[in-house]
Amino acid sequence: MNVPVALDPRRWWADAVTPDRLLLAAKTAAAAALAWYLAPYVPLAQSEYSYYAPLGVLVSMYPTVARSASSGLQAVVGLGLGIALGLASLAVVGTGLPRIVAVAAVILIGVLLAGVRALGVGRDWVAIAGLFVLLLGGADPDGYSSSYLITMAFGVVVGVVVNLVVVPPLRVGRADDRLTALRDDVGAALHGFADALAGRSFAPELGDAATASLTATLVEVREEVDLADESRRYNPRGRRLQAPRDLNRRRLDALTGIAEATRELSAALARLTADPFVDTRLPSATRRSLADAVAAVARLVTAPPSPEATARPLGEAEAALADYTDRLRHLSVDDEPLDAWEAAVSLRRVIAACGPFSDPDAATATR
């Protein structure tokens, strides 16, 4: 029985022990221990609630410094709202309202406030903090509430500082690796199209499988690039990078266009080769020219992104596409298949999208 990828224990292990995750786990553990040790010395907070300091670390430790700071602040705001809600519910209970009704009211209002998007991760803490104050505040709800908020905020500060000072995470290299892998995947898909056309064996299933894989990979790569951009914010290591700040974003935009054009090419080729009269409407010489053009474009896509490396494959792709379109123009109007021209347009889009890879400014620090 095949195990879905999401349920495969090997995938879980691979995701859990990446270098970035191991570093984050080690920093979180160290920050939690430090916060626990220092919490009794925090002013205006009672020492018996020191266990909230490691919890504050947990809510603030994220793969980037920027997200650690924003998420930590959002959590503290959410806690503050929840504590205020809990104190209000205790005041109402003091007037004779049954505690069970107060519990329901706190959960009701807390869940409603969790719908406020501006609270970010703090949305999840409104109802929790309110319930804690209502049920655990005991005889000193004010002391518990202030200690809860101050100690958690202290843990957040410790987490953000540790994340900033101890090897602040920088995901630019990983994003570059994923972009390079995506570029190679697109090139492999195009090479597969060319081989299938040359062997007269192109099937819709081939294109569907290749483009579906590209779509899934593109989503993951976009997330990685977003994380890389975020990791450079407030990060002292990010200031030392030589690559332009928007380099990966430009590469992603180019590859997005290439992947989209590849999907359109696959659809056009599937329609073209499914035509029972394709051999009559698209002679073998024209078909071979199309296969050569696809192969040349594939070589251009996978060429290293430097002016020197892309000059020759760019010229070859332009020449191969020109030969193919010239052959199309010599076909009779009645025999000329529209899908054949759509394939040419898709190839032209791929060539145009490769422009940034031949730009010296865009080629910096790429592979």
Protein backbone atom coordinates (compact mmCIF):
# COMPACT_ATOMS: atom_id res chain seq x y z
CA MET A 1 0.00 0.00 0.00
CA ASN A 2 1.34 3.40 -0.96
CA VAL A 3 1.55 5.85 1.95
CA PRO A 4 0.55 9.45 1.10
CA VAL A 5 3.52 11.80 1.16
CA ALA A 6 1.97 13.85 3.97
CA LEU A 7 1.71 10.71 6.15
CA ASP A 8 5.10 9.22 5.30
CA PRO A 9 7.22 9.03 8.51
CA ARG A 10 10.34 9.48 6.41
CA ARG A 11 9.02 12.81 5.17
CA TRP A 12 8.25 13.81 8.77
CA TRP A 13 11.78 12.97 9.81
CA ALA A 14 13.28 14.82 6.85
CA ASP A 15 11.21 17.92 7.67
CA ALA A 16 12.05 17.75 11.39
CA VAL A 17 15.84 17.48 11.14
CA THR A 18 16.71 20.11 8.55
CA PRO A 19 19.64 22.33 9.60
CA ASP A 20 17.37 25.36 9.95
CA ARG A 21 14.90 23.45 12.13
CA LEU A 22 17.66 21.99 14.31
CA LEU A 23 19.12 25.45 14.86
CA LEU A 24 15.70 26.89 15.68
CA ALA A 25 15.01 24.07 18.15
CA ALA A 26 18.36 24.56 19.88
CA LYS A 27 17.89 28.33 20.14
CA THR A 28 14.34 27.93 21.43
CA ALA A 29 15.44 25.44 24.09
CA ALA A 30 18.30 27.70 25.22
CA ALA A 31 16.07 30.79 25.25
CA ALA A 32 13.36 28.97 27.23
CA ALA A 33 15.90 27.84 29.83
CA LEU A 34 17.32 31.36 30.08
CA ALA A 35 13.86 32.90 30.45
CA TRP A 36 12.95 30.36 33.14
CA TYR A 37 16.14 31.15 35.06
CA LEU A 38 15.71 34.93 34.88
CA ALA A 39 11.93 35.11 35.35
CA PRO A 40 12.02 35.26 39.19
CA TYR A 41 13.99 38.50 38.93
CA VAL A 42 11.46 40.25 36.68
CA PRO A 43 9.99 43.23 38.56
CA LEU A 44 6.24 43.53 39.15
CA ALA A 45 5.74 39.78 38.59
CA GLN A 46 5.32 37.06 41.19
CA SER A 47 7.98 34.35 41.03
CA GLU A 48 5.50 31.44 41.26
CA TYR A 49 4.36 32.27 37.74
CA SER A 50 7.83 31.97 36.22
CA TYR A 51 6.65 29.06 34.08
CA TYR A 52 4.98 31.55 31.75
CA ALA A 53 8.38 32.88 30.64
CA PRO A 54 9.30 29.77 28.59
CA LEU A 55 5.81 29.91 27.10
CA GLY A 56 6.54 33.48 25.98
CA VAL A 57 9.68 32.19 24.28
CA LEU A 58 7.68 29.56 22.41
CA VAL A 59 5.20 32.07 20.99
CA SER A 60 8.00 34.31 19.72
CA MET A 61 10.46 31.86 18.13
CA TYR A 62 9.94 31.70 14.39
CA PRO A 63 12.22 31.00 11.41
CA THR A 64 12.85 34.74 10.86
CA VAL A 65 13.66 37.64 13.16
CA ALA A 66 10.93 39.81 11.64
CA ARG A 67 8.26 37.19 12.24
CA SER A 68 9.54 36.58 15.78
CA ALA A 69 9.14 40.25 16.63
CA SER A 70 5.73 40.69 15.02
CA SER A 71 4.31 37.42 16.32
CA GLY A 72 5.61 38.09 19.82
CA LEU A 73 4.00 41.53 19.87
CA GLN A 74 0.73 40.15 18.54
CA ALA A 75 0.72 37.45 21.21
CA VAL A 76 1.23 40.02 23.97
CA VAL A 77 -1.62 42.17 22.61
CA GLY A 78 -3.88 39.12 22.42
CA LEU A 79 -2.95 38.20 25.97
CA GLY A 80 -3.71 41.71 27.16
CA LEU A 81 -7.18 41.57 25.59
CA GLY A 82 -7.81 38.14 27.05
CA ILE A 83 -6.70 39.20 30.52
CA ALA A 84 -8.98 42.24 30.37
CA LEU A 85 -11.81 39.94 29.31
CA GLY A 86 -11.07 37.58 32.19
CA LEU A 87 -10.97 40.36 34.77
CA ALA A 88 -14.27 41.75 33.47
CA SER A 89 -15.85 38.33 33.75
CA LEU A 90 -14.60 38.00 37.35
CA ALA A 91 -16.16 41.33 38.18
CA VAL A 92 -19.46 40.13 36.76
CA VAL A 93 -19.18 36.87 38.72
CA GLY A 94 -18.74 38.96 41.86
CA THR A 95 -22.23 40.35 41.30
CA GLY A 96 -23.73 36.86 41.52
CA LEU A 97 -23.55 35.59 37.94
CA PRO A 98 -22.95 31.80 37.89
CA ARG A 99 -19.36 30.97 36.99
CA ILE A 100 -20.48 28.55 34.30
CA VAL A 101 -22.20 31.41 32.49
CA ALA A 102 -19.03 33.51 32.80
CA VAL A 103 -16.97 30.69 31.29
CA ALA A 104 -19.33 30.48 28.32
CA ALA A 105 -19.29 34.27 27.90
CA VAL A 106 -15.48 34.43 27.97
CA ILE A 107 -15.20 31.70 25.34
CA LEU A 108 -17.91 33.33 23.20
CA ILE A 109 -16.31 36.77 23.21
CA GLY A 110 -12.79 35.35 22.92
CA VAL A 111 -13.68 33.33 19.83
CA LEU A 112 -15.38 36.37 18.29
CA LEU A 113 -12.27 38.50 18.89
CA ALA A 114 -10.18 35.70 17.34
CA GLY A 115 -11.76 36.73 14.05
CA VAL A 116 -9.90 40.05 14.09
CA ARG A 117 -7.16 39.50 11.51
CA ALA A 118 -5.07 42.41 12.78
CA LEU A 119 -4.32 40.43 15.94
CA GLY A 120 -2.36 37.83 13.95
CA VAL A 121 -1.22 34.95 16.15
CA GLY A 122 -2.53 36.88 19.15
CA ARG A 123 -6.06 35.88 18.11
CA ASP A 124 -5.49 32.41 19.54
CA TRP A 125 -4.56 33.78 22.95
CA VAL A 126 -7.59 35.96 23.70
CA ALA A 127 -9.92 33.16 24.79
CA ILE A 128 -7.11 31.19 26.47
CA ALA A 129 -5.91 34.13 28.56
CA GLY A 130 -9.45 35.09 29.51
CA LEU A 131 -10.23 31.55 30.62
CA PHE A 132 -6.98 31.27 32.60
CA VAL A 133 -7.70 34.50 34.49
CA LEU A 134 -11.28 33.45 35.19
CA LEU A 135 -10.45 29.94 36.42
CA LEU A 136 -6.91 30.29 37.81
CA GLY A 137 -6.91 33.85 39.13
CA GLY A 138 -7.95 32.63 42.55
CA ALA A 139 -8.04 35.09 45.42
CA ASP A 140 -5.57 37.47 43.72
CA PRO A 141 -6.74 37.90 40.13
CA ASP A 142 -4.93 41.23 39.73
CA GLY A 143 -1.61 39.78 40.87
CA TYR A 144 -2.07 36.70 38.69
CA SER A 145 -3.05 38.76 35.66
CA SER A 146 -0.14 41.19 35.89
CA SER A 147 2.33 38.38 36.54
CA TYR A 148 0.92 36.38 33.62
CA LEU A 149 1.22 39.27 31.17
CA ILE A 150 4.60 40.59 32.38
CA THR A 151 6.24 37.17 32.54
CA MET A 152 4.95 36.19 29.10
CA ALA A 153 6.13 39.51 27.68
CA PHE A 154 9.53 38.93 29.25
CA GLY A 155 9.71 35.52 27.58
CA VAL A 156 8.82 37.10 24.25
CA VAL A 157 11.64 39.63 24.64
CA VAL A 158 14.13 36.88 25.51
CA GLY A 159 13.03 34.84 22.48
CA VAL A 160 13.34 37.75 20.05
CA VAL A 161 16.73 38.79 21.42
CA VAL A 162 18.12 35.25 21.24
CA ASN A 163 16.80 34.83 17.71
CA LEU A 164 18.43 38.12 16.70
CA VAL A 165 21.79 37.62 18.43
CA VAL A 166 22.45 33.88 17.99
CA VAL A 167 22.92 33.15 14.28
CA PRO A 168 19.91 35.15 13.06
CA PRO A 169 18.20 32.94 10.45
CA LEU A 170 18.80 33.83 6.82
CA ARG A 171 16.99 31.76 4.19
CA VAL A 172 18.36 33.38 1.03
CA GLY A 173 20.65 30.47 0.17
CA ARG A 174 17.85 27.94 0.50
CA ALA A 175 15.57 30.04 -1.70
CA ASP A 176 18.33 30.23 -4.30
CA ASP A 177 18.65 26.43 -4.21
CA ARG A 178 14.91 25.96 -4.68
CA LEU A 179 14.82 28.44 -7.57
CA THR A 180 17.68 26.61 -9.27
CA ALA A 181 15.90 23.28 -8.78
CA LEU A 182 12.69 24.74 -10.25
CA ARG A 183 14.62 26.05 -13.24
CA ASP A 184 16.07 22.58 -13.81
CA ASP A 185 12.62 20.97 -13.45
CA VAL A 186 11.18 23.27 -16.11
CA GLY A 187 14.09 22.46 -18.40
CA ALA A 188 13.60 18.73 -17.85
CA ALA A 189 9.91 19.04 -18.70
CA LEU A 190 10.73 20.87 -21.94
CA HIS A 191 13.37 18.29 -22.86
CA GLY A 192 10.73 15.60 -22.30
CA PHE A 193 8.34 17.42 -24.63
CA ALA A 194 11.02 17.67 -27.31
CA ASP A 195 11.95 13.98 -27.08
CA ALA A 196 8.29 12.94 -27.24
CA LEU A 197 7.68 15.12 -30.29
CA ALA A 198 10.78 13.81 -32.04
CA GLY A 199 9.70 10.25 -31.31
CA ARG A 200 6.10 10.95 -32.35
CA SER A 201 4.95 9.78 -28.92
CA PHE A 202 3.68 12.93 -27.23
CA ALA A 203 0.71 12.11 -25.01
CA PRO A 204 -1.49 14.46 -22.93
CA GLU A 205 -0.62 12.42 -19.84
CA LEU A 206 3.04 13.35 -20.28
CA GLY A 207 2.29 17.05 -20.31
CA ASP A 208 -0.22 16.82 -17.48
CA ALA A 209 2.23 15.02 -15.20
CA ALA A 210 5.05 17.44 -15.93
CA THR A 211 3.00 20.61 -15.53
CA ALA A 212 1.26 19.35 -12.37
CA SER A 213 4.66 18.78 -10.81
CA LEU A 214 5.77 22.27 -11.83
CA THR A 215 2.65 23.82 -10.31
CA ALA A 216 3.21 22.12 -6.95
CA THR A 217 6.91 22.99 -6.94
CA LEU A 218 6.19 26.61 -7.85
CA VAL A 219 3.93 27.01 -4.81
CA GLU A 220 6.67 25.69 -2.51
CA VAL A 221 9.34 27.85 -4.12
CA ARG A 222 7.17 30.98 -3.80
CA GLU A 223 6.80 30.28 -0.07
CA GLU A 224 10.56 29.83 0.24
CA VAL A 225 11.25 33.12 -1.56
CA ASP A 226 8.74 34.93 0.67
CA LEU A 227 10.49 33.49 3.72
CA ALA A 228 13.90 34.50 2.34
CA ASP A 229 12.73 38.09 1.82
CA GLU A 230 11.30 38.15 5.32
CA SER A 231 14.50 36.71 6.80
CA ARG A 232 16.53 39.70 5.57
CA ARG A 233 14.41 42.20 7.50
CA TYR A 234 16.01 43.39 10.74
CA ASN A 235 18.74 40.83 10.17
CA PRO A 236 22.37 42.04 10.50
CA ARG A 237 23.55 39.10 8.40
CA GLY A 238 21.26 40.21 5.58
CA ARG A 239 23.06 43.54 5.27
CA ARG A 240 26.31 41.76 4.38
CA LEU A 241 24.86 39.94 1.38
CA GLN A 242 26.23 41.02 -1.98
CA ALA A 243 23.16 39.92 -3.95
CA PRO A 244 20.47 42.55 -4.63
CA ARG A 245 17.59 42.41 -2.17
CA ASP A 246 15.04 41.68 -4.91
CA LEU A 247 17.16 39.15 -6.81
CA ASN A 248 15.23 36.04 -5.80
CA ARG A 249 11.96 37.86 -6.39
CA ARG A 250 13.01 38.68 -9.95
CA ARG A 251 14.11 35.10 -10.54
CA LEU A 252 10.79 33.84 -9.18
CA ASP A 253 8.84 36.20 -11.46
CA ALA A 254 10.81 34.99 -14.48
CA LEU A 255 10.37 31.32 -13.60
CA THR A 256 6.68 31.85 -12.94
CA GLY A 257 6.30 33.16 -16.47
CA ILE A 258 8.36 30.28 -17.85
CA ALA A 259 6.30 27.68 -15.98
CA GLU A 260 3.03 29.25 -17.15
CA ALA A 261 4.24 29.30 -20.76
CA THR A 262 5.34 25.68 -20.39
CA ARG A 263 1.84 24.70 -19.26
CA GLU A 264 0.36 26.50 -22.26
CA LEU A 265 2.88 24.79 -24.55
CA SER A 266 1.91 21.40 -23.11
CA ALA A 267 -1.78 22.07 -23.75
CA ALA A 268 -1.12 23.26 -27.31
CA LEU A 269 1.03 20.20 -28.08
CA ALA A 270 -1.60 17.87 -26.64
CA ARG A 271 -4.29 19.37 -28.88
CA LEU A 272 -1.96 19.43 -31.87
CA THR A 273 -0.84 15.81 -31.64
CA ALA A 274 -4.37 14.58 -30.86
CA ASP A 275 -5.55 15.83 -34.28
CA PRO A 276 -6.02 12.71 -36.49
CA PHE A 277 -4.83 14.73 -39.49
CA VAL A 278 -1.74 16.13 -37.79
CA ASP A 279 0.64 14.34 -40.16
CA THR A 280 -1.05 16.04 -43.09
CA ARG A 281 -1.46 19.48 -41.50
CA LEU A 282 1.97 19.42 -39.80
CA PRO A 283 4.50 17.68 -42.07
CA SER A 284 7.27 15.63 -40.49
CA ALA A 285 9.91 18.27 -41.27
CA THR A 286 7.88 20.94 -39.50
CA ARG A 287 7.27 18.58 -36.59
CA ARG A 288 11.01 17.94 -36.27
CA SER A 289 11.62 21.69 -36.42
CA LEU A 290 9.15 22.17 -33.55
CA ALA A 291 10.93 19.47 -31.52
CA ASP A 292 14.28 21.19 -32.21
CA ALA A 293 12.84 24.54 -31.09
CA VAL A 294 11.51 23.05 -27.84
CA ALA A 295 14.88 21.39 -27.17
CA ALA A 296 16.75 24.65 -27.85
CA VAL A 297 14.45 26.55 -25.48
CA ALA A 298 15.01 23.85 -22.85
CA ARG A 299 18.77 24.36 -23.11
CA LEU A 300 18.27 28.10 -22.71
CA VAL A 301 16.16 27.63 -19.58
CA THR A 302 18.75 25.41 -17.90
CA ALA A 303 21.76 27.51 -18.90
CA PRO A 304 23.63 29.16 -15.99
CA PRO A 305 22.23 32.68 -15.57
CA SER A 306 25.13 34.75 -16.83
CA PRO A 307 25.51 36.73 -20.06
CA GLU A 308 28.40 34.52 -21.17
CA ALA A 309 26.54 31.26 -20.54
CA THR A 310 23.21 32.36 -22.02
CA ALA A 311 24.43 34.10 -25.18
CA ARG A 312 24.86 30.95 -27.25
CA PRO A 313 21.69 29.06 -26.13
CA LEU A 314 19.70 32.28 -26.54
CA GLY A 315 20.85 32.60 -30.14
CA GLU A 316 20.17 28.92 -30.79
CA ALA A 317 16.66 29.17 -29.34
CA GLU A 318 15.89 32.26 -31.42
CA ALA A 319 17.18 30.57 -34.58
CA ALA A 320 15.31 27.32 -33.93
CA LEU A 321 12.05 29.14 -33.27
CA ALA A 322 12.53 31.28 -36.38
CA ASP A 323 13.07 28.13 -38.48
CA TYR A 324 9.89 26.60 -37.09
CA THR A 325 7.75 29.70 -37.69
CA ASP A 326 9.17 30.07 -41.21
CA ARG A 327 8.05 26.51 -41.97
CA LEU A 328 4.60 27.29 -40.58
CA ARG A 329 4.30 30.31 -42.88
CA HIS A 330 4.95 28.11 -45.91
CA LEU A 331 2.04 25.84 -45.09
CA SER A 332 -1.22 26.46 -46.88
CA VAL A 333 -3.81 28.48 -45.00
CA ASP A 334 -6.21 25.53 -44.98
CA ASP A 335 -3.64 23.12 -43.53
CA GLU A 336 -2.05 25.54 -41.09
CA PRO A 337 -3.02 24.34 -37.57
CA LEU A 338 -3.78 27.06 -35.04
CA ASP A 339 -2.32 24.99 -32.20
CA ALA A 340 1.02 24.96 -34.00
CA TRP A 341 1.12 28.75 -33.80
CA GLU A 342 0.05 28.67 -30.16
CA ALA A 343 3.05 26.42 -29.47
CA ALA A 344 5.28 29.00 -31.15
CA VAL A 345 3.80 31.80 -29.02
CA SER A 346 4.42 29.76 -25.86
CA LEU A 347 8.04 29.19 -26.85
CA ARG A 348 8.44 32.91 -27.54
CA ARG A 349 7.13 33.65 -24.04
CA VAL A 350 9.68 31.28 -22.52
CA ILE A 351 12.50 32.98 -24.41
CA ALA A 352 11.28 36.41 -23.31
CA ALA A 353 11.01 35.29 -19.68
CA CYS A 354 14.63 34.11 -19.78
CA GLY A 355 15.74 37.70 -20.37
CA PRO A 356 16.50 38.46 -16.68
CA PHE A 357 18.85 35.48 -16.55
CA SER A 358 21.07 37.07 -19.19
CA ASP A 359 21.06 40.44 -17.40
CA PRO A 360 24.38 40.97 -15.56
CA ASP A 361 22.62 42.69 -12.67
CA ALA A 362 20.11 39.87 -12.25
CA ALA A 363 22.78 37.18 -12.52
CA THR A 364 24.60 38.16 -9.35
CA ALA A 365 24.91 35.28 -6.88
CA THR A 366 22.82 32.87 -8.93
CA ARG A 367 23.76 29.43 -10.14
